[in-house]
N, C-alpha and C. Protein backbone atom coordinates (compact mmCIF):
# COMPACT_ATOMS: atom_id res chain seq x y z
N UNK A 1 21.66 142.39 26.60
CA UNK A 1 20.75 143.18 27.36
C UNK A 1 20.93 142.85 28.85
N UNK A 2 21.10 143.87 29.68
CA UNK A 2 21.29 143.71 31.11
C UNK A 2 19.94 143.48 31.79
N UNK A 3 19.96 142.57 32.76
CA UNK A 3 18.74 142.37 33.57
C UNK A 3 18.83 143.28 34.78
N UNK A 4 17.77 143.96 35.07
CA UNK A 4 17.73 144.86 36.22
C UNK A 4 16.73 144.33 37.23
N UNK A 5 17.01 144.61 38.48
CA UNK A 5 16.08 144.24 39.53
C UNK A 5 14.84 145.10 39.44
N UNK A 6 13.72 144.58 39.81
CA UNK A 6 12.52 145.40 39.83
C UNK A 6 12.69 146.56 40.81
N UNK A 7 11.99 147.65 40.59
CA UNK A 7 12.14 148.85 41.41
C UNK A 7 11.77 148.61 42.87
N UNK A 8 10.96 147.59 43.15
CA UNK A 8 10.51 147.35 44.52
C UNK A 8 11.43 146.39 45.28
N UNK A 9 12.48 145.90 44.69
CA UNK A 9 13.37 144.93 45.33
C UNK A 9 13.99 145.47 46.63
N UNK A 10 14.53 146.70 46.66
CA UNK A 10 15.08 147.18 47.94
C UNK A 10 14.02 147.27 49.03
N UNK A 11 12.82 147.66 48.67
CA UNK A 11 11.73 147.73 49.63
C UNK A 11 11.41 146.34 50.16
N UNK A 12 11.35 145.35 49.31
CA UNK A 12 11.04 143.98 49.71
C UNK A 12 12.12 143.45 50.66
N UNK A 13 13.38 143.75 50.37
CA UNK A 13 14.48 143.32 51.23
C UNK A 13 14.36 143.97 52.61
N UNK A 14 14.03 145.26 52.66
CA UNK A 14 13.87 145.96 53.93
C UNK A 14 12.73 145.37 54.75
N UNK A 15 11.60 145.09 54.11
CA UNK A 15 10.46 144.50 54.81
C UNK A 15 10.84 143.12 55.35
N UNK A 16 11.54 142.33 54.58
CA UNK A 16 11.97 141.01 55.02
C UNK A 16 12.91 141.12 56.22
N UNK A 17 13.84 142.08 56.18
CA UNK A 17 14.78 142.26 57.29
C UNK A 17 14.04 142.65 58.57
N UNK A 18 13.07 143.55 58.47
CA UNK A 18 12.29 143.95 59.65
C UNK A 18 11.50 142.76 60.18
N UNK A 19 10.91 141.96 59.29
CA UNK A 19 10.16 140.79 59.71
C UNK A 19 11.05 139.80 60.47
N UNK A 20 12.22 139.53 59.94
CA UNK A 20 13.15 138.59 60.58
C UNK A 20 13.60 139.13 61.94
N UNK A 21 13.94 140.42 62.00
CA UNK A 21 14.40 141.02 63.25
C UNK A 21 13.31 140.99 64.31
N UNK A 22 12.07 141.29 63.92
CA UNK A 22 10.99 141.32 64.90
C UNK A 22 10.68 139.92 65.43
N UNK A 23 10.80 138.91 64.60
CA UNK A 23 10.57 137.55 65.06
C UNK A 23 11.72 137.02 65.89
N UNK A 24 12.90 137.60 65.75
CA UNK A 24 14.05 137.19 66.54
C UNK A 24 14.08 137.92 67.88
N UNK A 25 13.16 138.89 68.08
CA UNK A 25 13.13 139.61 69.35
C UNK A 25 14.12 140.75 69.41
N UNK A 26 14.56 141.24 68.26
CA UNK A 26 15.53 142.32 68.24
C UNK A 26 14.95 143.50 67.52
N UNK A 27 15.16 144.74 67.86
CA UNK A 27 15.84 145.19 69.07
C UNK A 27 14.92 145.10 70.27
N UNK A 28 15.51 144.97 71.45
CA UNK A 28 14.75 144.88 72.68
C UNK A 28 15.05 146.10 73.53
N UNK A 29 14.03 146.66 74.13
CA UNK A 29 14.22 147.81 75.00
C UNK A 29 14.73 147.32 76.35
N UNK A 30 15.22 148.23 77.16
CA UNK A 30 15.70 147.87 78.51
C UNK A 30 14.55 147.30 79.33
N UNK A 31 13.35 147.84 79.15
CA UNK A 31 12.19 147.33 79.89
C UNK A 31 11.88 145.89 79.49
N UNK A 32 12.00 145.57 78.20
CA UNK A 32 11.74 144.20 77.75
C UNK A 32 12.80 143.25 78.31
N UNK A 33 14.04 143.69 78.34
CA UNK A 33 15.12 142.85 78.88
C UNK A 33 14.89 142.61 80.36
N UNK A 34 14.51 143.67 81.11
CA UNK A 34 14.29 143.53 82.55
C UNK A 34 13.09 142.63 82.84
N UNK A 35 12.08 142.69 81.98
CA UNK A 35 10.86 141.91 82.20
C UNK A 35 11.01 140.45 81.77
N UNK A 36 12.05 140.16 80.98
CA UNK A 36 12.22 138.79 80.52
C UNK A 36 12.58 137.89 81.69
N UNK A 37 12.13 136.65 81.68
CA UNK A 37 12.39 135.76 82.80
C UNK A 37 13.88 135.48 82.95
N UNK A 38 14.34 135.51 84.17
CA UNK A 38 15.74 135.23 84.46
C UNK A 38 15.92 133.72 84.62
N UNK A 39 17.10 133.22 84.28
CA UNK A 39 17.32 131.79 84.47
C UNK A 39 17.20 131.44 85.95
N UNK A 40 16.68 130.27 86.24
CA UNK A 40 16.50 129.85 87.61
C UNK A 40 17.86 129.66 88.27
N UNK A 41 17.99 130.18 89.47
CA UNK A 41 19.22 130.02 90.22
C UNK A 41 19.10 128.79 91.12
N UNK A 42 20.20 128.09 91.31
CA UNK A 42 20.12 126.92 92.19
C UNK A 42 19.83 127.35 93.63
N UNK A 43 19.10 126.53 94.33
CA UNK A 43 18.79 126.84 95.73
C UNK A 43 20.06 126.76 96.55
N UNK A 44 20.19 127.66 97.53
CA UNK A 44 21.39 127.61 98.37
C UNK A 44 21.42 126.31 99.16
N UNK A 45 22.54 125.64 99.15
CA UNK A 45 22.63 124.37 99.86
C UNK A 45 23.62 124.44 101.01
N UNK A 46 24.48 125.43 101.02
CA UNK A 46 25.48 125.52 102.08
C UNK A 46 26.55 124.47 101.91
N UNK A 47 27.70 124.73 102.46
CA UNK A 47 28.78 123.76 102.43
C UNK A 47 29.83 124.09 101.39
N UNK A 48 30.68 123.11 101.15
CA UNK A 48 31.80 123.28 100.23
C UNK A 48 31.39 122.90 98.81
N UNK A 49 31.87 123.68 97.85
CA UNK A 49 31.58 123.45 96.44
C UNK A 49 32.87 123.55 95.64
N UNK A 50 33.04 122.66 94.66
CA UNK A 50 34.25 122.76 93.83
C UNK A 50 34.16 123.95 92.88
N UNK A 51 35.27 124.62 92.69
CA UNK A 51 35.40 125.68 91.70
C UNK A 51 36.67 125.40 90.92
N UNK A 52 36.91 126.17 89.89
CA UNK A 52 38.14 125.95 89.12
C UNK A 52 39.38 126.37 89.90
N UNK A 53 39.20 127.08 91.02
CA UNK A 53 40.33 127.51 91.84
C UNK A 53 40.52 126.63 93.08
N UNK A 54 39.58 125.72 93.30
CA UNK A 54 39.64 124.85 94.48
C UNK A 54 38.31 124.85 95.20
N UNK A 55 38.28 124.27 96.38
CA UNK A 55 37.05 124.19 97.16
C UNK A 55 36.69 125.55 97.73
N UNK A 56 35.41 125.90 97.64
CA UNK A 56 34.93 127.19 98.14
C UNK A 56 33.71 126.95 99.04
N UNK A 57 33.62 127.72 100.11
CA UNK A 57 32.49 127.57 101.02
C UNK A 57 31.38 128.52 100.64
N UNK A 58 30.15 128.02 100.60
CA UNK A 58 28.96 128.84 100.35
C UNK A 58 28.02 128.68 101.54
N UNK A 59 27.72 129.79 102.22
CA UNK A 59 26.79 129.69 103.35
C UNK A 59 25.41 129.22 102.89
N UNK A 60 24.71 128.52 103.76
CA UNK A 60 23.39 128.00 103.41
C UNK A 60 22.43 129.14 103.05
N UNK A 61 22.56 130.28 103.68
CA UNK A 61 21.67 131.41 103.40
C UNK A 61 22.18 132.27 102.25
N UNK A 62 23.26 131.86 101.59
CA UNK A 62 23.80 132.59 100.45
C UNK A 62 24.80 133.66 100.87
N UNK A 63 25.48 134.23 99.88
CA UNK A 63 26.48 135.28 100.17
C UNK A 63 25.83 136.62 100.49
N UNK A 64 24.59 136.81 100.05
CA UNK A 64 23.86 138.05 100.34
C UNK A 64 22.60 137.63 101.12
N UNK A 65 22.76 137.32 102.41
CA UNK A 65 21.67 136.68 103.15
C UNK A 65 20.55 137.61 103.63
N UNK A 66 20.83 138.92 103.74
CA UNK A 66 19.82 139.80 104.33
C UNK A 66 19.80 141.17 103.64
N UNK A 67 18.82 141.99 104.05
CA UNK A 67 18.64 143.31 103.44
C UNK A 67 19.86 144.20 103.64
N UNK A 68 20.43 144.18 104.83
CA UNK A 68 21.57 145.04 105.13
C UNK A 68 22.74 144.73 104.18
N UNK A 69 23.02 143.46 103.98
CA UNK A 69 24.10 143.06 103.08
C UNK A 69 23.77 143.46 101.64
N UNK A 70 22.51 143.28 101.23
CA UNK A 70 22.10 143.66 99.88
C UNK A 70 22.33 145.16 99.65
N UNK A 71 22.01 145.99 100.64
CA UNK A 71 22.21 147.44 100.51
C UNK A 71 23.69 147.77 100.41
N UNK A 72 24.52 147.13 101.22
CA UNK A 72 25.96 147.41 101.19
C UNK A 72 26.58 147.00 99.86
N UNK A 73 26.17 145.85 99.33
CA UNK A 73 26.69 145.41 98.02
C UNK A 73 26.22 146.39 96.95
N UNK A 74 24.94 146.79 97.02
CA UNK A 74 24.40 147.73 96.04
C UNK A 74 25.18 149.04 96.05
N UNK A 75 25.47 149.57 97.23
CA UNK A 75 26.25 150.82 97.33
C UNK A 75 27.65 150.64 96.72
N UNK A 76 28.26 149.50 97.02
CA UNK A 76 29.62 149.24 96.51
C UNK A 76 29.64 149.20 94.99
N UNK A 77 28.55 148.76 94.38
CA UNK A 77 28.48 148.68 92.92
C UNK A 77 28.06 150.02 92.32
N UNK A 78 27.05 150.66 92.92
CA UNK A 78 26.46 151.87 92.33
C UNK A 78 27.33 153.11 92.49
N UNK A 79 28.05 153.26 93.61
CA UNK A 79 28.86 154.46 93.84
C UNK A 79 29.92 154.69 92.75
N UNK A 80 30.70 153.69 92.36
CA UNK A 80 31.68 153.93 91.30
C UNK A 80 31.04 154.25 89.95
N UNK A 81 29.83 153.77 89.73
CA UNK A 81 29.18 153.99 88.44
C UNK A 81 28.51 155.36 88.39
N UNK A 82 27.69 155.66 89.42
CA UNK A 82 26.86 156.87 89.39
C UNK A 82 27.32 157.97 90.35
N UNK A 83 28.34 157.71 91.14
CA UNK A 83 28.92 158.74 92.00
C UNK A 83 28.09 159.04 93.24
N UNK A 84 28.39 160.18 93.83
CA UNK A 84 27.79 160.59 95.10
C UNK A 84 26.28 160.77 95.01
N UNK A 85 25.75 160.91 93.83
CA UNK A 85 24.32 161.06 93.62
C UNK A 85 23.55 159.91 94.27
N UNK A 86 24.16 158.73 94.31
CA UNK A 86 23.51 157.55 94.87
C UNK A 86 23.24 157.74 96.36
N UNK A 87 24.13 158.41 97.07
CA UNK A 87 23.94 158.62 98.50
C UNK A 87 22.69 159.44 98.78
N UNK A 88 22.33 160.33 97.86
CA UNK A 88 21.13 161.15 98.07
C UNK A 88 19.85 160.34 97.89
N UNK A 89 19.95 159.11 97.41
CA UNK A 89 18.79 158.27 97.20
C UNK A 89 18.47 157.37 98.40
N UNK A 90 19.21 157.55 99.49
CA UNK A 90 18.92 156.77 100.68
C UNK A 90 17.69 157.34 101.36
N UNK A 91 16.91 156.59 102.06
CA UNK A 91 17.05 155.16 102.34
C UNK A 91 16.61 154.32 101.14
N UNK A 92 17.33 153.24 100.93
CA UNK A 92 17.03 152.35 99.81
C UNK A 92 15.85 151.45 100.16
N UNK A 93 15.08 151.09 99.13
CA UNK A 93 13.99 150.12 99.27
C UNK A 93 14.52 148.78 98.82
N UNK A 94 14.30 147.76 99.60
CA UNK A 94 14.84 146.43 99.31
C UNK A 94 13.70 145.41 99.30
N UNK A 95 13.72 144.53 98.29
CA UNK A 95 12.74 143.45 98.26
C UNK A 95 13.44 142.18 97.78
N UNK A 96 12.87 141.05 98.17
CA UNK A 96 13.41 139.75 97.78
C UNK A 96 12.33 138.98 97.02
N UNK A 97 12.67 138.54 95.82
CA UNK A 97 11.77 137.74 95.01
C UNK A 97 12.51 136.47 94.63
N UNK A 98 12.11 135.36 95.20
CA UNK A 98 12.86 134.12 94.98
C UNK A 98 14.24 134.26 95.61
N UNK A 99 15.26 134.16 94.80
CA UNK A 99 16.63 134.33 95.27
C UNK A 99 17.27 135.58 94.68
N UNK A 100 16.45 136.59 94.35
CA UNK A 100 16.97 137.82 93.76
C UNK A 100 16.57 139.01 94.62
N UNK A 101 17.58 139.73 95.13
CA UNK A 101 17.35 140.98 95.85
C UNK A 101 17.22 142.11 94.85
N UNK A 102 16.24 142.99 95.05
CA UNK A 102 16.11 144.21 94.27
C UNK A 102 16.30 145.38 95.22
N UNK A 103 17.26 146.24 94.92
CA UNK A 103 17.54 147.42 95.74
C UNK A 103 17.29 148.64 94.86
N UNK A 104 16.40 149.53 95.34
CA UNK A 104 16.05 150.74 94.58
C UNK A 104 16.27 151.96 95.45
N UNK A 105 16.68 153.05 94.81
CA UNK A 105 16.82 154.31 95.50
C UNK A 105 15.45 154.86 95.88
N UNK A 106 15.42 155.67 96.94
CA UNK A 106 14.17 156.27 97.39
C UNK A 106 13.64 157.24 96.34
N UNK A 107 12.33 157.27 96.19
CA UNK A 107 11.70 158.17 95.23
C UNK A 107 11.73 159.58 95.79
N UNK A 108 12.29 160.50 95.02
CA UNK A 108 12.39 161.90 95.43
C UNK A 108 11.61 162.76 94.46
N UNK A 109 11.06 163.89 94.94
CA UNK A 109 10.31 164.76 94.04
C UNK A 109 11.19 165.50 93.04
N UNK A 110 12.46 165.73 93.35
CA UNK A 110 13.33 166.46 92.42
C UNK A 110 13.80 165.55 91.28
N UNK A 111 14.18 166.14 90.15
CA UNK A 111 14.63 165.32 89.03
C UNK A 111 15.97 164.64 89.35
N UNK A 112 16.29 163.65 88.59
CA UNK A 112 17.56 162.96 88.78
C UNK A 112 17.42 161.46 88.70
N UNK A 113 16.22 160.94 88.91
CA UNK A 113 15.99 159.52 88.75
C UNK A 113 16.41 158.70 89.95
N UNK A 114 16.33 157.40 89.77
CA UNK A 114 16.63 156.47 90.85
C UNK A 114 17.46 155.31 90.34
N UNK A 115 18.34 154.84 91.21
CA UNK A 115 19.16 153.67 90.90
C UNK A 115 18.37 152.41 91.21
N UNK A 116 18.68 151.36 90.47
CA UNK A 116 18.09 150.05 90.74
C UNK A 116 19.14 149.00 90.42
N UNK A 117 19.21 148.00 91.29
CA UNK A 117 20.16 146.91 91.09
C UNK A 117 19.50 145.62 91.54
N UNK A 118 19.79 144.53 90.84
CA UNK A 118 19.29 143.20 91.21
C UNK A 118 20.51 142.31 91.47
N UNK A 119 20.48 141.63 92.61
CA UNK A 119 21.60 140.79 93.05
C UNK A 119 21.11 139.38 93.36
N UNK A 120 21.94 138.41 93.03
CA UNK A 120 21.65 137.03 93.41
C UNK A 120 21.92 136.86 94.90
N UNK A 121 20.94 136.36 95.62
CA UNK A 121 21.11 136.09 97.05
C UNK A 121 22.13 134.96 97.25
N UNK A 122 22.14 134.01 96.34
CA UNK A 122 22.97 132.82 96.49
C UNK A 122 24.45 133.11 96.31
N UNK A 123 24.81 133.72 95.18
CA UNK A 123 26.23 133.90 94.90
C UNK A 123 26.67 135.35 94.74
N UNK A 124 25.76 136.31 94.95
CA UNK A 124 26.13 137.72 94.88
C UNK A 124 26.29 138.27 93.48
N UNK A 125 25.91 137.50 92.46
CA UNK A 125 26.04 137.97 91.08
C UNK A 125 25.19 139.21 90.86
N UNK A 126 25.75 140.18 90.15
CA UNK A 126 25.00 141.38 89.80
C UNK A 126 24.24 141.05 88.52
N UNK A 127 22.92 141.03 88.62
CA UNK A 127 22.08 140.61 87.50
C UNK A 127 21.60 141.78 86.66
N UNK A 128 21.50 142.97 87.27
CA UNK A 128 20.92 144.12 86.56
C UNK A 128 21.33 145.40 87.28
N UNK A 129 21.71 146.42 86.52
CA UNK A 129 22.03 147.74 87.07
C UNK A 129 21.40 148.78 86.16
N UNK A 130 20.71 149.76 86.76
CA UNK A 130 20.08 150.80 85.96
C UNK A 130 19.93 152.06 86.79
N UNK A 131 19.76 153.18 86.10
CA UNK A 131 19.45 154.44 86.77
C UNK A 131 18.53 155.23 85.84
N UNK A 132 17.33 155.52 86.33
CA UNK A 132 16.39 156.27 85.52
C UNK A 132 16.80 157.74 85.52
N UNK A 133 16.33 158.48 84.54
CA UNK A 133 16.67 159.90 84.44
C UNK A 133 15.59 160.77 84.96
């Protein structure tokens, strides 16, 4: 005589899978990822630092020291991704929180959304890129 699984076994497996996934934090929406705390960046110290390619100089104020530089880096990243549409979002809004620059496109009444990018002030790392619809 063959033993068969109870009729509710597939349902129980599905419920267990959803429970495990929800406790693991998966799936996460883009908003949840953006809202999650970012790892702390080291404070800019200025001077020479060893890298795997040799000694490298880091300015005390970081590679992205001011709003103008943050906007230029943002344009350089966003234009190849989203095209000329990004130029229509000028003037950009820029804010600094800790060592992270946030550059956002200007809010326009017409549809098309806005670009947003987050950059490390210290080393210029691109931390986040998005464009709303």
